[in-house]
């Protein structure tokens, strides 16, 4: 392939990445469409389902309960944290997916082009390995490792976010109470998933990603979740998840694109990262099979606890004056 053709493809990939990196809705559906074309890239489906959850958590911040529980500034900072991580991962990962697509079209690997997008040498090696060996599980784990390292410094360890979000009481209470979760819904009303813990630690997020991948592609789970995802438009609202269930928490759940503006991000620092051989061996190591358990009762319990917090604060508001009132 001549240099002019290469330059044109690189430009097309950049333009497509920017276009689909507009907001959580466009990112989620871009991941999903790619997986439907190339189901061997399992990470793309995992990314789409995690991104659906991110949208759900974003809009939840502007629900009736959270508008009362958290002040406007805290809600804004939490939204920007979700959005920044969502954006940074897509910015790094989508060019990788597109280069794989172009490699498939031409029947030859173009993974050396990944350096044009500042993709880590680790992933260049893993894509070449996948091209030769076709190990779907290994590539999925490698992408989990890569993307969690990509967001560690520019998002998780970013000084202003650490101060505004990760060192604040609401974040600690969310982790302590296990309110953060990634859910995998089915059309029959079941909810599989796991709750997040030690979110600031890259080891913990990689472990969670590997467990979620094992759960998502479990033979008792995959077909139900795929049926939900491929037939349910992603709006960012919790209603996407609960429409197939038989309960309603009574909380509001707005649509993402009617709730938040498009965010213009400053260019992130380089996506390249380094790790020791010991870390890579630990992260690549297989983990035990995740047993599928319907989390619907657990989610109902957490929603009940959240409602109790909302009710208690509402009652206290009549006793203790507050400087700001909810919207």
Protein backbone atom coordinates (compact mmCIF):
# COMPACT_ATOMS: atom_id res chain seq x y z
CA UNK A 1 0.00 0.00 0.00
CA UNK A 2 1.40 3.41 -0.94
CA UNK A 3 1.79 6.28 1.52
CA UNK A 4 -1.08 8.32 0.04
CA UNK A 5 -3.52 5.49 0.62
CA UNK A 6 -2.22 4.99 4.16
CA UNK A 7 -2.54 8.70 4.94
CA UNK A 8 -6.13 8.71 3.63
CA UNK A 9 -7.11 5.73 5.81
CA UNK A 10 -5.49 7.29 8.89
CA UNK A 11 -7.41 10.50 8.26
CA UNK A 12 -10.70 8.61 7.84
CA UNK A 13 -10.11 6.75 11.12
CA UNK A 14 -9.40 10.03 12.95
CA UNK A 15 -12.55 11.62 11.55
CA UNK A 16 -14.73 8.61 12.40
CA UNK A 17 -13.28 8.44 15.92
CA UNK A 18 -14.02 12.12 16.54
CA UNK A 19 -17.52 11.78 15.08
CA UNK A 20 -18.56 8.81 17.22
CA UNK A 21 -16.77 10.16 20.32
CA UNK A 22 -19.41 12.90 20.64
CA UNK A 23 -21.26 11.52 23.65
CA UNK A 24 -22.04 8.35 25.56
CA UNK A 25 -24.87 7.34 23.23
CA UNK A 26 -22.79 7.50 20.04
CA UNK A 27 -19.85 5.70 21.66
CA UNK A 28 -22.01 2.88 22.99
CA UNK A 29 -23.65 2.21 19.66
CA UNK A 30 -20.33 2.44 17.76
CA UNK A 31 -18.89 -0.31 19.95
CA UNK A 32 -22.01 -2.44 19.49
CA UNK A 33 -22.16 -2.06 15.70
CA UNK A 34 -18.49 -3.04 15.46
CA UNK A 35 -19.09 -6.19 17.54
CA UNK A 36 -22.04 -7.18 15.36
CA UNK A 37 -19.73 -7.02 12.33
CA UNK A 38 -16.75 -8.66 14.05
CA UNK A 39 -18.00 -10.88 16.92
CA UNK A 40 -14.50 -12.28 17.40
CA UNK A 41 -13.56 -8.94 19.05
CA UNK A 42 -15.38 -9.68 22.28
CA UNK A 43 -14.08 -6.59 24.04
CA UNK A 44 -16.24 -4.41 21.78
CA UNK A 45 -19.44 -5.93 23.18
CA UNK A 46 -18.13 -5.70 26.74
CA UNK A 47 -17.24 -2.04 26.09
CA UNK A 48 -20.71 -1.32 24.75
CA UNK A 49 -22.40 -2.81 27.83
CA UNK A 50 -20.08 -0.99 30.26
CA UNK A 51 -20.71 2.21 28.30
CA UNK A 52 -24.49 1.65 28.60
CA UNK A 53 -24.01 1.50 32.35
CA UNK A 54 -21.96 4.70 32.31
CA UNK A 55 -24.83 6.46 30.55
CA UNK A 56 -27.28 5.12 33.11
CA UNK A 57 -25.13 6.40 35.98
CA UNK A 58 -24.73 9.78 34.26
CA UNK A 59 -28.46 10.38 33.92
CA UNK A 60 -29.14 9.01 37.38
CA UNK A 61 -27.24 12.02 38.74
CA UNK A 62 -30.09 14.23 37.48
CA UNK A 63 -32.85 11.98 38.78
CA UNK A 64 -35.23 13.15 41.49
CA UNK A 65 -33.40 11.34 44.27
CA UNK A 66 -29.87 12.38 43.38
CA UNK A 67 -30.86 15.99 42.83
CA UNK A 68 -31.82 15.94 46.49
CA UNK A 69 -28.93 13.81 47.80
CA UNK A 70 -26.05 15.59 46.03
CA UNK A 71 -25.44 19.28 45.43
CA UNK A 72 -25.23 20.57 41.83
CA UNK A 73 -21.44 20.93 41.86
CA UNK A 74 -20.88 17.37 43.04
CA UNK A 75 -23.29 16.01 40.43
CA UNK A 76 -21.50 17.97 37.72
CA UNK A 77 -18.08 16.69 38.82
CA UNK A 78 -19.31 13.09 38.87
CA UNK A 79 -20.82 13.44 35.42
CA UNK A 80 -17.58 14.91 34.05
CA UNK A 81 -15.63 12.01 35.57
CA UNK A 82 -17.83 9.43 33.83
CA UNK A 83 -17.73 11.43 30.60
CA UNK A 84 -13.96 11.96 30.65
CA UNK A 85 -13.23 8.26 31.22
CA UNK A 86 -15.77 7.27 28.55
CA UNK A 87 -14.21 9.71 26.07
CA UNK A 88 -10.58 8.79 26.82
CA UNK A 89 -11.18 5.05 26.40
CA UNK A 90 -13.01 5.53 23.10
CA UNK A 91 -10.30 7.88 21.81
CA UNK A 92 -7.72 5.15 22.37
CA UNK A 93 -9.73 2.03 21.54
CA UNK A 94 -11.81 2.93 18.49
CA UNK A 95 -8.80 3.51 16.18
CA UNK A 96 -7.60 0.03 17.19
CA UNK A 97 -10.92 -1.45 16.14
CA UNK A 98 -10.86 0.46 12.85
CA UNK A 99 -7.33 -0.64 12.02
CA UNK A 100 -8.42 -4.23 12.61
CA UNK A 101 -11.32 -3.63 10.20
CA UNK A 102 -9.00 -2.24 7.52
CA UNK A 103 -6.61 -5.14 8.08
CA UNK A 104 -9.49 -7.56 7.50
CA UNK A 105 -10.53 -5.72 4.35
CA UNK A 106 -7.06 -5.86 2.83
CA UNK A 107 -6.15 -9.28 4.20
CA UNK A 108 -2.93 -8.04 5.80
CA UNK A 109 -2.08 -6.59 9.22
CA UNK A 110 -1.70 -2.84 9.55
CA UNK A 111 -1.12 -2.80 13.31
CA UNK A 112 2.13 -0.84 12.92
CA UNK A 113 -0.18 2.10 12.14
CA UNK A 114 -1.32 2.09 15.77
CA UNK A 115 1.66 4.28 16.65
CA UNK A 116 -0.05 7.04 14.62
CA UNK A 117 -2.71 7.08 17.37
CA UNK A 118 -0.27 6.80 20.30
CA UNK A 119 -1.54 3.32 21.15
CA UNK A 120 0.65 1.47 23.62
CA UNK A 121 3.35 -0.93 22.35
CA UNK A 122 1.65 -3.56 24.51
CA UNK A 123 -1.45 -3.43 22.30
CA UNK A 124 0.54 -3.39 19.08
CA UNK A 125 2.09 -6.68 20.19
CA UNK A 126 -1.26 -8.12 21.28
CA UNK A 127 -3.01 -7.26 18.01
CA UNK A 128 -0.21 -8.96 16.06
CA UNK A 129 -0.53 -12.00 18.31
CA UNK A 130 -4.28 -12.10 17.76
CA UNK A 131 -3.86 -11.82 13.98
CA UNK A 132 -1.61 -14.89 14.03
CA UNK A 133 -3.29 -16.98 16.75
CA UNK A 134 -6.91 -15.76 16.89
CA UNK A 135 -7.15 -16.08 20.70
CA UNK A 136 -10.35 -14.08 21.40
CA UNK A 137 -10.16 -14.31 25.19
CA UNK A 138 -6.54 -13.15 25.32
CA UNK A 139 -7.26 -10.10 23.14
CA UNK A 140 -10.28 -9.20 25.26
CA UNK A 141 -8.19 -9.30 28.44
CA UNK A 142 -5.39 -7.32 26.78
CA UNK A 143 -7.82 -4.56 25.78
CA UNK A 144 -9.23 -4.48 29.32
CA UNK A 145 -5.70 -4.07 30.70
CA UNK A 146 -4.82 -1.40 28.16
CA UNK A 147 -7.89 0.80 28.55
CA UNK A 148 -7.80 0.76 32.35
CA UNK A 149 -4.18 1.87 32.23
CA UNK A 150 -5.05 4.51 29.64
CA UNK A 151 -7.45 6.28 32.04
CA UNK A 152 -5.38 5.87 35.21
CA UNK A 153 -3.30 9.06 35.00
CA UNK A 154 -5.49 11.47 32.95
CA UNK A 155 -8.70 10.60 34.82
CA UNK A 156 -8.29 8.62 38.03
CA UNK A 157 -5.09 10.35 39.16
CA UNK A 158 -5.87 13.75 37.65
CA UNK A 159 -5.35 16.17 40.59
CA UNK A 160 -8.55 18.19 40.23
CA UNK A 161 -10.73 15.08 39.87
CA UNK A 162 -9.01 13.38 42.82
CA UNK A 163 -9.82 16.37 44.98
CA UNK A 164 -13.35 17.01 43.66
CA UNK A 165 -14.54 13.41 43.37
CA UNK A 166 -12.37 10.59 44.66
CA UNK A 167 -11.54 12.18 48.01
CA UNK A 168 -15.09 13.29 48.76
CA UNK A 169 -17.46 11.59 51.18
CA UNK A 170 -20.15 10.68 48.57
CA UNK A 171 -17.62 8.62 46.61
CA UNK A 172 -16.51 6.72 49.71
CA UNK A 173 -20.11 6.11 50.75
CA UNK A 174 -20.94 4.78 47.27
CA UNK A 175 -18.09 2.27 47.46
CA UNK A 176 -18.84 1.36 51.07
CA UNK A 177 -22.51 0.78 50.31
CA UNK A 178 -21.83 -1.00 47.00
CA UNK A 179 -24.08 1.40 45.07
CA UNK A 180 -21.81 1.42 42.01
CA UNK A 181 -22.47 -1.49 39.69
CA UNK A 182 -22.26 -2.74 36.11
CA UNK A 183 -25.47 -4.46 35.06
CA UNK A 184 -26.09 -6.85 32.18
CA UNK A 185 -29.85 -6.95 31.53
CA UNK A 186 -31.84 -9.48 29.53
CA UNK A 187 -35.19 -9.17 27.78
CA UNK A 188 -36.80 -11.61 30.22
CA UNK A 189 -36.25 -9.13 33.07
CA UNK A 190 -33.13 -10.69 34.62
CA UNK A 191 -30.18 -8.53 35.64
CA UNK A 192 -26.71 -10.02 35.85
CA UNK A 193 -23.71 -7.99 36.91
CA UNK A 194 -21.12 -7.03 39.50
CA UNK A 195 -20.60 -4.08 41.80
CA UNK A 196 -17.51 -1.89 41.61
CA UNK A 197 -15.02 -1.64 44.45
CA UNK A 198 -11.65 0.07 44.92
CA UNK A 199 -12.37 1.97 41.71
CA UNK A 200 -9.23 4.10 42.02
CA UNK A 201 -6.95 1.05 41.74
CA UNK A 202 -6.08 -0.16 38.26
CA UNK A 203 -5.67 -3.74 39.54
CA UNK A 204 -9.24 -3.74 40.86
CA UNK A 205 -10.72 -2.35 37.65
CA UNK A 206 -8.84 -4.91 35.54
CA UNK A 207 -10.07 -7.70 37.81
CA UNK A 208 -13.64 -6.38 37.46
CA UNK A 209 -13.33 -6.16 33.68
CA UNK A 210 -12.11 -9.75 33.45
CA UNK A 211 -14.92 -10.97 35.70
CA UNK A 212 -17.49 -9.04 33.66
CA UNK A 213 -16.13 -10.49 30.41
CA UNK A 214 -16.41 -13.99 31.84
CA UNK A 215 -19.97 -13.27 32.96
CA UNK A 216 -21.07 -11.58 29.72
CA UNK A 217 -19.90 -14.46 27.52
CA UNK A 218 -21.09 -17.20 29.87
CA UNK A 219 -23.36 -19.55 27.89
CA UNK A 220 -26.23 -18.93 30.33
CA UNK A 221 -25.95 -15.14 29.99
CA UNK A 222 -24.72 -14.10 26.55
CA UNK A 223 -27.78 -14.82 24.40
CA UNK A 224 -30.15 -13.00 26.77
CA UNK A 225 -27.95 -9.92 27.06
CA UNK A 226 -27.31 -9.85 23.31
CA UNK A 227 -31.06 -10.04 22.64
CA UNK A 228 -31.55 -7.04 24.95
CA UNK A 229 -28.70 -4.99 23.51
CA UNK A 230 -29.42 -5.61 19.83
CA UNK A 231 -33.10 -4.70 20.15
CA UNK A 232 -33.04 -1.90 22.74
CA UNK A 233 -32.06 1.62 21.75
CA UNK A 234 -29.55 3.12 24.15
CA UNK A 235 -30.89 6.38 25.60
CA UNK A 236 -28.88 6.51 28.83
CA UNK A 237 -32.05 6.24 30.88
CA UNK A 238 -32.54 3.59 33.54
CA UNK A 239 -35.84 2.88 31.79
CA UNK A 240 -33.85 1.03 29.10
CA UNK A 241 -33.04 -1.55 31.77
CA UNK A 242 -36.31 -1.69 33.67
CA UNK A 243 -38.73 -1.77 30.75
CA UNK A 244 -38.47 -5.57 30.69
CA UNK A 245 -38.80 -5.95 34.46
CA UNK A 246 -41.85 -5.89 36.67
CA UNK A 247 -40.97 -3.09 39.05
CA UNK A 248 -40.38 0.63 39.22
CA UNK A 249 -38.41 2.39 41.95
CA UNK A 250 -40.47 5.57 41.68
CA UNK A 251 -37.37 7.62 40.88
CA UNK A 252 -37.15 9.65 37.69
CA UNK A 253 -34.74 8.67 34.91
CA UNK A 254 -34.13 11.24 32.15
CA UNK A 255 -32.74 10.70 28.65
CA UNK A 256 -29.04 11.48 28.30
CA UNK A 257 -29.28 13.72 25.24
CA UNK A 258 -32.07 15.76 26.84
CA UNK A 259 -30.06 16.10 30.05
CA UNK A 260 -26.47 16.96 29.17
CA UNK A 261 -24.78 19.16 26.54
CA UNK A 262 -22.00 17.92 24.29
CA UNK A 263 -18.72 18.21 26.19
CA UNK A 264 -15.65 19.52 24.39
CA UNK A 265 -12.62 17.74 25.82
CA UNK A 266 -9.07 18.97 25.88
CA UNK A 267 -6.66 16.51 24.30
CA UNK A 268 -5.56 13.92 26.77
CA UNK A 269 -1.96 13.17 27.55
CA UNK A 270 -0.32 10.31 25.65
CA UNK A 271 -2.17 7.00 25.88
CA UNK A 272 1.13 5.16 26.17
CA UNK A 273 1.84 3.51 29.50
CA UNK A 274 4.42 1.15 30.93
CA UNK A 275 4.11 -1.77 33.29
CA UNK A 276 6.48 -4.34 34.74
CA UNK A 277 6.53 -7.91 33.45
CA UNK A 278 5.24 -8.94 36.86
CA UNK A 279 2.20 -6.66 36.50
CA UNK A 280 1.46 -7.91 32.98
CA UNK A 281 1.72 -11.54 34.03
CA UNK A 282 -0.63 -10.87 36.93
CA UNK A 283 -3.13 -8.97 34.80
CA UNK A 284 -3.11 -11.55 31.99
CA UNK A 285 -3.58 -14.49 34.35
CA UNK A 286 -6.96 -16.26 34.03
CA UNK A 287 -9.50 -15.94 36.84
CA UNK A 288 -12.22 -18.25 38.05
CA UNK A 289 -15.53 -18.61 36.21
CA UNK A 290 -18.13 -16.06 37.30
CA UNK A 291 -21.27 -17.90 38.31
CA UNK A 292 -24.36 -16.23 36.82
CA UNK A 293 -26.70 -14.94 39.52
CA UNK A 294 -29.77 -12.82 38.86
CA UNK A 295 -29.01 -9.47 40.52
CA UNK A 296 -32.53 -8.11 40.29
CA UNK A 297 -33.22 -8.70 44.04
CA UNK A 298 -29.88 -7.03 44.89
CA UNK A 299 -30.62 -4.02 42.67
CA UNK A 300 -34.07 -3.64 44.26
CA UNK A 301 -32.40 -3.72 47.68
CA UNK A 302 -29.94 -0.99 46.69
CA UNK A 303 -32.73 1.15 45.26
CA UNK A 304 -34.66 0.74 48.51
CA UNK A 305 -31.60 1.83 50.50
CA UNK A 306 -31.17 4.82 48.20
CA UNK A 307 -34.81 5.76 48.67
CA UNK A 308 -34.37 5.58 52.46
CA UNK A 309 -31.39 7.96 52.24
CA UNK A 310 -33.48 10.30 50.11
CA UNK A 311 -36.39 10.12 52.57
CA UNK A 312 -34.21 10.71 55.64
CA UNK A 313 -32.51 13.74 54.09
CA UNK A 314 -35.87 15.10 52.99
CA UNK A 315 -37.18 14.89 56.54
CA UNK A 316 -34.02 16.39 58.00
CA UNK A 317 -34.32 19.31 55.62
CA UNK A 318 -37.40 20.45 57.50
CA UNK A 319 -35.41 20.41 60.74
CA UNK A 320 -31.95 21.59 59.66
CA UNK A 321 -31.75 24.55 57.25
CA UNK A 322 -29.75 24.04 54.05
CA UNK A 323 -27.95 26.71 52.09
CA UNK A 324 -29.08 25.34 48.76
CA UNK A 325 -32.28 23.61 47.79
CA UNK A 326 -32.61 20.88 45.17
CA UNK A 327 -33.77 21.70 41.67
